[in-house]
């Protein structure tokens, strides 16, 4: 996904070329029709993707059903701001749910591998809402309320990881389409659900479950599956600074969202719906303009919105519509960015998607719980609200400057393969590195990817531009069609000719991790899932 967005929005210099060639596009009728037709085809393919509707419907249903646990706990205390909800009762149960999912990830393996969960999770959510509606101060009402809250929070956690597990099975292009499409569809659906909480939530859950079933069927057929070649997998680590940064960002959003949820329902729905569309437009603009650097910039952008919301809060001395709008925009960006990051990590790392998703949301929910608790303590007078806001704003600024840097984010997403390893960089320009030399440099080479002496001997022949391989013309056409970079074009030429990742790394004077990244980006841009599909695409381009 690092460079696959370039395939969607164009070459990194697309916008410069667009300004230079605006006369060709906007003053030429065929050019205008081509732009409109491409946009229409993309929109149609996106809306025809059942996962888009599953994400939009189920997330809207979970947003609507989240009001029932709060209402049930309020009924138990008999006050509009009860201690049970003030200190994050529902969020605490969400932490427990994600913790259980993380602990059970190894024996379960994959949530989507058990289709019966597609019916059990929505049914548990409906049961939880019914039990929450029967909350009272009697013994039965108290037990009903807590069982209902547990069902709603547990079912929501399970539905979240199931939907995102399916998202993690998509290629980069489909991930982007699903994230943007579901965000656009989710906003009006959430408004409909908030207008009729119980009936709306059930309708959204039923429709979302049907869409989830269709998504599961497409997943079984490999409709959006990325390449499962082990060449893409790497062992990654999660820096403690990024984990702490995620918790801080979540705490900031939790503090500000609690302020918003204390307002009238019309205000809450209006702010969330309006800012979601603005967040989608900002998301697309940042991704299109920045290409491979978009993830780090999105992280800084959402932190900027959260920090600005805190500054407005401090200036106003409390809640204001502007601070809520800034916070809601930042939170929508946060959600879309995390979906992309999780999908990329699931594709790149040797880790179970369920473990990855459960761990991520466990950290995120813990941070959110801390933010909710801080706001509740400030509301009760135990803490100075403005002091808490100032500390959180300062922590967010620290995260933006020193934690969520482009280097740290790129190292997390795509590894540290951008620079040649020491052993590889030190080799002589005319010489060749053997498999042992690559292993000494810290690069793993299996039997299928080791550089043979025959391959090394052919290096000079392959370096010759005239030696374009059996698919020379087809590779050129595919590179032009999908806007591959010169380095990606050369990697494609060698990869299609049957060269191993280690041999390409030796030839290009880079590490095998860099080659893996290039191949993965080529797959994402061309929207193919295997080497054979890539070769078929090249052959079809040659035959045309």
Foldseek 3Di string as FASTA:
>chain_A
DLFLLCLVLHHLCVVVVCVVCVCVQVVPVVNVVVVVVVVVVLVVVLVVQLLLLLLQLLVLLLVLLVVLLLLLVCQQQVDNQDPCPLLPVLLVLLLVLLVVLLVCCVVVVALLVDLVLLVVLLVLLLQLSVLSVQAHNDPSNVVSSVSSSNSSSNSSSSSVLLSLLLLLQAALVSNVSSLLSSLLSNLVLSVVCNVPRNVSSNVSSVSSSVSSVVSSVCVVVSVGGAAPPCLQADAFDDDPLVLVLLLLLLLLLLQLVVQVVVDDPVLNSVLLSVLSVVLSVVLSVLCSNRRSLSLLVLLLQLLVLSLVLLVVCLVVVHDDSSSSNSSSNSVSSVVSSVSSQLSLCSRRYPDRSSNSSSVSVSSSSNSSSNNSNVNSCCVVVVDPPNVVSVVSSVSSVCCSPPNSDSVNSCCRRQNPFPAAFPLLLPDDPLAFDWQVSLVVSVADDDPVQTQDPVLRVCLVVLVPPVCQAPLNVLLVQLCVSSVPDPVLSSLLSCVLNPHHLCSSCRSVSTHSSVSSVSVSSSCSSVSHHDSVVSNVSSVVSVVD
